[in-house]
Amino acid sequence: INDTLTKLLSSQQEESNRQSILKSENVTINDKILKIPRGTRDYHPRQMKIREEVFRTIIDCFKQHGADTIDTPVFELT
């Protein structure tokens, strides 16, 4: 788990650096700044692989102790 956590934190730092570069370059298309919806985030494929491994480990542990899986909406109406 420590190795996986280290990889995830490293990937998050890389993403933070990439976002800082994009902000400093003021990336625009047709004079509009590209933004993702509030409360969401894009993940690099390497980050997703690590996240999936972490979630799989957590889910397996929870299921061993009798927990049930639920699925909640990604977006909700406001």
C-alpha atoms as a PDB file:
ATOM      1  CA  ILE A   1       0.000   0.000   0.000  1.00  0.00           C
ATOM      2  CA  ASN A   2       2.867   2.404   0.782  1.00  0.00           C
ATOM      3  CA  ASP A   3       4.318   1.949  -2.707  1.00  0.00           C
ATOM      4  CA  THR A   4       0.916   2.537  -4.288  1.00  0.00           C
ATOM      5  CA  LEU A   5       0.384   5.628  -2.145  1.00  0.00           C
ATOM      6  CA  THR A   6       3.811   6.978  -3.119  1.00  0.00           C
ATOM      7  CA  LYS A   7       2.989   6.461  -6.821  1.00  0.00           C
ATOM      8  CA  LEU A   8      -0.385   8.189  -6.419  1.00  0.00           C
ATOM      9  CA  LEU A   9       1.136  11.177  -4.630  1.00  0.00           C
ATOM     10  CA  SER A  10       3.836  11.437  -7.295  1.00  0.00           C
ATOM     11  CA  SER A  11       1.205  11.370 -10.040  1.00  0.00           C
ATOM     12  CA  GLN A  12      -0.812  14.038  -8.235  1.00  0.00           C
ATOM     13  CA  GLN A  13       2.294  16.243  -8.040  1.00  0.00           C
ATOM     14  CA  GLU A  14       2.907  15.771 -11.776  1.00  0.00           C
ATOM     15  CA  GLU A  15      -0.720  16.729 -12.489  1.00  0.00           C
ATOM     16  CA  SER A  16      -0.429  19.776 -10.244  1.00  0.00           C
ATOM     17  CA  ASN A  17       2.702  20.855 -12.112  1.00  0.00           C
ATOM     18  CA  ARG A  18       0.938  20.344 -15.460  1.00  0.00           C
ATOM     19  CA  GLN A  19      -2.060  22.395 -14.337  1.00  0.00           C
ATOM     20  CA  SER A  20       0.252  25.184 -13.137  1.00  0.00           C
ATOM     21  CA  ILE A  21       1.898  25.274 -16.555  1.00  0.00           C
ATOM     22  CA  LEU A  22      -1.482  25.401 -18.312  1.00  0.00           C
ATOM     23  CA  LYS A  23      -2.661  28.227 -16.046  1.00  0.00           C
ATOM     24  CA  SER A  24       0.530  30.180 -16.604  1.00  0.00           C
ATOM     25  CA  GLU A  25       0.186  29.724 -20.360  1.00  0.00           C
ATOM     26  CA  ASN A  26      -3.492  30.753 -20.149  1.00  0.00           C
ATOM     27  CA  VAL A  27      -4.670  28.011 -22.520  1.00  0.00           C
ATOM     28  CA  THR A  28      -7.572  29.293 -24.601  1.00  0.00           C
ATOM     29  CA  ILE A  29      -9.681  28.233 -27.553  1.00  0.00           C
ATOM     30  CA  ASN A  30     -11.504  31.007 -29.387  1.00  0.00           C
ATOM     31  CA  ASP A  31     -10.692  33.367 -26.495  1.00  0.00           C
ATOM     32  CA  LYS A  32     -12.350  31.079 -23.914  1.00  0.00           C
ATOM     33  CA  ILE A  33     -10.436  29.476 -21.055  1.00  0.00           C
ATOM     34  CA  LEU A  34     -10.886  25.695 -20.898  1.00  0.00           C
ATOM     35  CA  LYS A  35     -12.314  24.553 -17.573  1.00  0.00           C
ATOM     36  CA  ILE A  36     -13.660  21.300 -16.225  1.00  0.00           C
ATOM     37  CA  PRO A  37     -16.934  21.281 -14.231  1.00  0.00           C
ATOM     38  CA  ARG A  38     -16.585  22.216 -10.556  1.00  0.00           C
ATOM     39  CA  GLY A  39     -16.016  19.259  -8.285  1.00  0.00           C
ATOM     40  CA  THR A  40     -14.578  17.113 -11.083  1.00  0.00           C
ATOM     41  CA  ARG A  41     -11.085  16.280 -12.177  1.00  0.00           C
ATOM     42  CA  ASP A  42      -9.326  14.676 -15.119  1.00  0.00           C
ATOM     43  CA  TYR A  43      -6.856  11.901 -14.388  1.00  0.00           C
ATOM     44  CA  HIS A  44      -3.922  10.754 -16.482  1.00  0.00           C
ATOM     45  CA  PRO A  45      -4.027   7.041 -17.450  1.00  0.00           C
ATOM     46  CA  ARG A  46      -1.110   6.307 -15.076  1.00  0.00           C
ATOM     47  CA  GLN A  47      -3.012   7.989 -12.244  1.00  0.00           C
ATOM     48  CA  MET A  48      -6.146   5.996 -13.061  1.00  0.00           C
ATOM     49  CA  LYS A  49      -4.243   2.720 -12.932  1.00  0.00           C
ATOM     50  CA  ILE A  50      -2.985   3.540  -9.440  1.00  0.00           C
ATOM     51  CA  ARG A  51      -6.418   4.781  -8.307  1.00  0.00           C
ATOM     52  CA  GLU A  52      -8.075   1.594  -9.573  1.00  0.00           C
ATOM     53  CA  GLU A  53      -5.535  -0.546  -7.686  1.00  0.00           C
ATOM     54  CA  VAL A  54      -6.117   1.412  -4.481  1.00  0.00           C
ATOM     55  CA  PHE A  55      -9.904   1.248  -4.812  1.00  0.00           C
ATOM     56  CA  ARG A  56      -9.763  -2.474  -5.647  1.00  0.00           C
ATOM     57  CA  THR A  57      -7.728  -3.089  -2.473  1.00  0.00           C
ATOM     58  CA  ILE A  58     -10.153  -1.066  -0.345  1.00  0.00           C
ATOM     59  CA  ILE A  59     -13.251  -2.678  -1.892  1.00  0.00           C
ATOM     60  CA  ASP A  60     -11.838  -6.183  -1.432  1.00  0.00           C
ATOM     61  CA  CYS A  61     -11.070  -5.433   2.219  1.00  0.00           C
ATOM     62  CA  PHE A  62     -14.557  -4.019   2.841  1.00  0.00           C
ATOM     63  CA  LYS A  63     -16.205  -7.021   1.142  1.00  0.00           C
ATOM     64  CA  GLN A  64     -14.184  -9.422   3.327  1.00  0.00           C
ATOM     65  CA  HIS A  65     -15.858  -7.766   6.316  1.00  0.00           C
ATOM     66  CA  GLY A  66     -19.372  -8.014   4.868  1.00  0.00           C
ATOM     67  CA  ALA A  67     -19.825  -4.568   3.293  1.00  0.00           C
ATOM     68  CA  ASP A  68     -22.086  -4.103   0.281  1.00  0.00           C
ATOM     69  CA  THR A  69     -21.235  -2.089  -2.823  1.00  0.00           C
ATOM     70  CA  ILE A  70     -23.347   0.923  -3.773  1.00  0.00           C
ATOM     71  CA  ASP A  71     -23.200   3.220  -6.770  1.00  0.00           C
ATOM     72  CA  THR A  72     -23.987   6.916  -6.456  1.00  0.00           C
ATOM     73  CA  PRO A  73     -24.531   9.471  -9.218  1.00  0.00           C
ATOM     74  CA  VAL A  74     -21.521  11.355 -10.532  1.00  0.00           C
ATOM     75  CA  PHE A  75     -23.564  14.522 -11.020  1.00  0.00           C
ATOM     76  CA  GLU A  76     -26.600  15.582  -9.059  1.00  0.00           C
ATOM     77  CA  LEU A  77     -29.230  18.168  -9.817  1.00  0.00           C
ATOM     78  CA  THR A  78     -28.836  21.405  -7.879  1.00  0.00           C
END
